[in-house]
N, C-alpha and C. Protein backbone atom coordinates (compact mmCIF):
# COMPACT_ATOMS: atom_id res chain seq x y z
N UNK A 1 -53.70 116.38 -10.67
CA UNK A 1 -54.96 115.45 -10.87
C UNK A 1 -55.65 116.57 -11.48
N UNK A 2 -57.03 115.99 -12.19
CA UNK A 2 -57.86 116.98 -12.79
C UNK A 2 -59.06 116.38 -12.22
N UNK A 3 -59.82 117.37 -12.01
CA UNK A 3 -61.30 116.97 -11.31
C UNK A 3 -62.17 117.89 -12.17
N UNK A 4 -63.26 117.26 -12.49
CA UNK A 4 -64.44 118.02 -13.35
C UNK A 4 -65.47 118.58 -12.20
N UNK A 5 -65.93 119.76 -12.37
CA UNK A 5 -67.06 120.27 -11.23
C UNK A 5 -68.38 120.37 -12.16
N UNK A 6 -69.24 120.03 -11.42
CA UNK A 6 -70.65 119.92 -12.09
C UNK A 6 -71.37 121.30 -10.93
N UNK A 7 -71.52 122.29 -11.35
CA UNK A 7 -71.85 123.24 -10.30
C UNK A 7 -73.40 123.90 -10.69
N UNK A 8 -74.28 124.12 -9.82
CA UNK A 8 -75.79 124.27 -10.07
C UNK A 8 -75.98 125.74 -9.43
N UNK A 9 -76.24 126.49 -10.22
CA UNK A 9 -76.47 127.97 -9.34
C UNK A 9 -77.94 128.41 -9.58
N UNK A 10 -78.86 128.36 -8.48
CA UNK A 10 -80.27 128.70 -8.29
C UNK A 10 -80.39 130.02 -7.93
N UNK A 11 -81.62 130.64 -7.91
CA UNK A 11 -81.88 131.88 -7.43
C UNK A 11 -82.42 131.43 -5.81
N UNK A 12 -82.31 132.38 -4.96
CA UNK A 12 -82.51 131.93 -3.46
C UNK A 12 -84.23 131.84 -3.43
N UNK A 13 -84.59 130.93 -2.73
CA UNK A 13 -85.90 130.55 -2.77
C UNK A 13 -87.03 131.52 -2.62
N UNK A 14 -86.35 132.69 -1.77
CA UNK A 14 -87.21 133.69 -1.28
C UNK A 14 -87.47 134.97 -2.47
N UNK A 15 -86.52 134.57 -3.31
CA UNK A 15 -86.42 135.52 -4.40
C UNK A 15 -87.42 135.10 -5.44
N UNK A 16 -88.17 136.21 -6.16
CA UNK A 16 -88.90 135.95 -7.23
C UNK A 16 -88.31 135.62 -8.25
N UNK A 17 -88.82 134.51 -9.22
CA UNK A 17 -88.02 134.06 -10.27
C UNK A 17 -88.86 134.12 -11.54
N UNK A 18 -88.85 135.23 -12.20
CA UNK A 18 -90.00 135.33 -13.37
C UNK A 18 -89.97 134.47 -14.47
N UNK A 19 -88.69 134.15 -15.02
CA UNK A 19 -88.64 132.85 -15.83
C UNK A 19 -89.08 131.44 -15.49
N UNK A 20 -88.79 131.23 -14.26
CA UNK A 20 -89.53 130.11 -13.87
C UNK A 20 -91.31 130.35 -13.63
N UNK A 21 -91.45 131.56 -13.16
CA UNK A 21 -93.10 131.88 -13.11
C UNK A 21 -93.57 131.73 -14.67
N UNK A 22 -92.90 132.39 -15.69
CA UNK A 22 -93.53 132.21 -17.08
C UNK A 22 -93.54 130.74 -17.45
N UNK A 23 -92.56 130.06 -17.07
CA UNK A 23 -92.67 128.47 -17.64
C UNK A 23 -93.86 127.75 -17.02
N UNK A 24 -93.90 128.00 -15.70
CA UNK A 24 -94.87 127.34 -15.01
C UNK A 24 -96.34 127.72 -15.60
N UNK A 25 -96.66 129.10 -15.83
CA UNK A 25 -97.78 129.17 -16.24
C UNK A 25 -98.18 128.64 -17.85
N UNK A 26 -96.92 128.56 -18.58
CA UNK A 26 -97.10 128.05 -19.82
C UNK A 26 -97.22 126.17 -19.73
N UNK A 27 -96.73 125.97 -18.38
CA UNK A 27 -96.93 124.21 -18.52
C UNK A 27 -98.47 124.24 -18.43
N UNK A 28 -99.36 124.94 -17.77
CA UNK A 28 -100.79 124.84 -17.91
C UNK A 28 -101.35 124.88 -19.23
N UNK A 29 -100.66 125.86 -20.06
CA UNK A 29 -101.34 126.22 -21.24
C UNK A 29 -101.00 124.75 -22.37
N UNK A 30 -99.90 124.36 -21.97
CA UNK A 30 -99.51 123.06 -22.87
C UNK A 30 -100.17 121.72 -21.83
N UNK A 31 -101.17 121.73 -21.24
CA UNK A 31 -101.86 120.52 -20.46
C UNK A 31 -101.34 119.80 -19.54
N UNK A 32 -100.16 120.53 -19.15
CA UNK A 32 -99.20 119.87 -18.07
C UNK A 32 -99.47 120.44 -16.77
N UNK A 33 -100.52 120.43 -16.41
CA UNK A 33 -101.06 121.12 -14.80
C UNK A 33 -100.50 120.54 -13.82
N UNK A 34 -99.86 119.23 -13.87
CA UNK A 34 -99.24 118.48 -12.63
C UNK A 34 -97.99 119.27 -12.30
N UNK A 35 -97.49 119.98 -13.22
CA UNK A 35 -95.84 120.73 -13.13
C UNK A 35 -96.19 121.86 -12.56
N UNK A 36 -95.54 122.45 -11.04
CA UNK A 36 -95.95 123.40 -10.71
C UNK A 36 -94.51 124.25 -10.11
N UNK A 37 -94.44 125.51 -9.91
CA UNK A 37 -93.15 125.95 -8.96
C UNK A 37 -91.72 125.72 -9.50
N UNK A 38 -92.04 126.15 -10.98
CA UNK A 38 -90.46 125.87 -11.86
C UNK A 38 -89.62 126.89 -11.64
N UNK A 39 -88.33 126.60 -11.32
CA UNK A 39 -87.19 127.36 -11.01
C UNK A 39 -86.22 127.31 -11.97
N UNK A 40 -85.94 128.31 -12.61
CA UNK A 40 -84.92 128.52 -13.86
C UNK A 40 -83.66 128.88 -13.00
N UNK A 41 -82.34 128.08 -13.27
CA UNK A 41 -80.79 128.19 -13.00
C UNK A 41 -80.31 128.25 -14.21
N UNK A 42 -78.79 128.12 -13.39
CA UNK A 42 -77.53 127.89 -14.46
C UNK A 42 -76.92 126.44 -14.19
N UNK A 43 -76.61 125.80 -15.14
CA UNK A 43 -75.66 124.94 -14.87
C UNK A 43 -74.26 124.88 -15.37
N UNK A 44 -73.18 125.11 -14.55
CA UNK A 44 -71.65 125.37 -15.68
C UNK A 44 -70.91 123.77 -14.98
N UNK A 45 -70.26 123.66 -16.26
CA UNK A 45 -69.29 122.70 -15.95
C UNK A 45 -67.70 123.24 -16.49
N UNK A 46 -66.99 122.69 -15.37
CA UNK A 46 -65.62 123.26 -15.64
C UNK A 46 -64.39 122.18 -15.09
N UNK A 47 -63.26 122.19 -15.34
CA UNK A 47 -62.31 121.13 -15.20
C UNK A 47 -61.05 122.00 -13.97
N UNK A 48 -60.73 121.19 -13.37
CA UNK A 48 -59.77 122.15 -12.40
C UNK A 48 -58.48 121.22 -12.08
N UNK A 49 -57.39 121.64 -12.52
CA UNK A 49 -56.09 120.94 -12.00
C UNK A 49 -55.79 121.28 -10.59
N UNK A 50 -55.74 120.19 -9.74
CA UNK A 50 -55.44 120.37 -8.29
C UNK A 50 -54.64 119.00 -7.67
N UNK A 51 -54.00 119.32 -6.58
CA UNK A 51 -53.29 118.11 -6.18
C UNK A 51 -54.10 117.31 -5.28
N UNK A 52 -55.53 117.76 -4.95
CA UNK A 52 -56.38 116.99 -4.18
C UNK A 52 -57.65 117.36 -4.43
N UNK A 53 -58.59 116.48 -4.02
CA UNK A 53 -60.23 117.02 -4.13
C UNK A 53 -60.42 118.15 -3.30
N UNK A 54 -59.73 118.08 -2.05
CA UNK A 54 -59.83 119.39 -1.31
C UNK A 54 -59.61 120.83 -1.59
N UNK A 55 -58.23 120.63 -2.58
CA UNK A 55 -57.90 121.98 -3.00
C UNK A 55 -58.90 122.30 -4.35
N UNK A 56 -59.18 121.04 -5.14
CA UNK A 56 -59.96 121.50 -6.27
C UNK A 56 -61.54 122.02 -5.52
N UNK A 57 -61.83 121.57 -4.45
CA UNK A 57 -63.27 122.13 -3.92
C UNK A 57 -63.07 123.44 -3.71
N UNK A 58 -61.58 124.16 -2.88
CA UNK A 58 -61.39 125.30 -2.64
C UNK A 58 -61.66 126.11 -3.81
N UNK A 59 -60.93 125.68 -5.10
CA UNK A 59 -60.88 126.68 -6.08
C UNK A 59 -62.41 126.92 -6.93
N UNK A 60 -62.77 125.95 -6.58
CA UNK A 60 -63.82 125.81 -7.18
C UNK A 60 -65.28 126.97 -6.52
N UNK A 61 -65.13 126.62 -5.04
CA UNK A 61 -65.75 127.66 -4.50
C UNK A 61 -65.49 129.12 -4.60
N UNK A 62 -64.28 129.30 -4.73
CA UNK A 62 -63.42 130.49 -5.11
C UNK A 62 -64.13 131.08 -6.26
N UNK A 63 -64.10 130.43 -7.00
CA UNK A 63 -64.70 130.75 -8.70
C UNK A 63 -66.21 130.95 -8.45
N UNK A 64 -66.90 130.42 -7.94
CA UNK A 64 -68.49 130.30 -7.61
C UNK A 64 -68.51 131.84 -6.96
N UNK A 65 -67.98 131.83 -5.83
CA UNK A 65 -67.88 133.31 -4.98
C UNK A 65 -67.45 134.57 -5.63
N UNK A 66 -66.52 134.41 -6.30
CA UNK A 66 -65.99 135.41 -6.94
C UNK A 66 -66.44 135.95 -8.45
N UNK A 67 -67.22 135.15 -9.16
CA UNK A 67 -67.32 135.21 -10.39
C UNK A 67 -68.52 134.61 -10.83
N UNK A 68 -68.84 133.15 -10.64
CA UNK A 68 -70.00 132.45 -11.33
C UNK A 68 -71.20 132.87 -10.66
N UNK A 69 -71.28 133.15 -9.11
CA UNK A 69 -72.85 133.44 -8.48
C UNK A 69 -72.85 134.90 -7.99
N UNK A 70 -74.05 135.31 -7.98
CA UNK A 70 -74.30 136.50 -7.38
C UNK A 70 -75.03 136.27 -5.86
N UNK A 71 -74.15 136.02 -4.95
CA UNK A 71 -74.62 135.25 -3.52
C UNK A 71 -75.95 136.17 -3.15
N UNK A 72 -75.91 137.63 -3.62
CA UNK A 72 -77.05 138.25 -3.07
C UNK A 72 -78.44 137.69 -3.39
N UNK A 73 -78.56 137.25 -4.67
CA UNK A 73 -79.64 136.60 -5.27
C UNK A 73 -79.58 135.04 -5.58
N UNK A 74 -78.39 134.49 -5.67
CA UNK A 74 -78.25 133.09 -5.81
C UNK A 74 -77.45 132.45 -4.86
N UNK A 75 -77.77 131.06 -5.06
CA UNK A 75 -76.82 129.83 -4.05
C UNK A 75 -76.29 128.96 -4.98
N UNK A 76 -75.28 128.31 -4.63
CA UNK A 76 -74.79 127.35 -5.66
C UNK A 76 -74.43 125.96 -4.91
N UNK A 77 -74.36 125.01 -5.72
CA UNK A 77 -73.90 123.69 -5.06
C UNK A 77 -72.97 122.97 -5.99
N UNK A 78 -72.13 122.35 -5.78
CA UNK A 78 -71.57 121.38 -6.64
C UNK A 78 -70.97 120.11 -6.49
N UNK A 79 -70.45 119.19 -7.31
CA UNK A 79 -70.05 117.91 -7.15
C UNK A 79 -68.61 118.00 -7.77
N UNK A 80 -67.67 117.50 -7.23
CA UNK A 80 -66.37 117.09 -8.03
C UNK A 80 -65.95 115.64 -8.41
N UNK A 81 -65.77 115.35 -9.57
CA UNK A 81 -65.45 113.86 -9.85
C UNK A 81 -64.08 114.02 -10.40
N UNK A 82 -62.93 112.82 -10.03
CA UNK A 82 -61.69 112.92 -10.53
C UNK A 82 -62.08 112.53 -11.93
N UNK A 83 -61.06 113.03 -13.14
CA UNK A 83 -61.17 112.61 -14.36
C UNK A 83 -59.74 112.33 -14.88
N UNK A 84 -59.78 111.10 -15.98
CA UNK A 84 -58.17 110.91 -16.37
C UNK A 84 -57.97 111.39 -17.66
């Protein structure tokens, strides 16, 4: 079975996000004062061959914790969908 994983990686809420802060300030300069507290992260899409959704989930968690996400500074969440 093949699964598609959509992974969102974001900085921890307690950490300063300089990119997000710069974008937030720029929103005001563009007249978009209603937008605040922008946080910038990463989105990763990958495909996994696995026997079950549970096995695919374990592989994605492994990839996130070992390579894709710096858990000291970031957290991650993902969704899996089976693809044909």
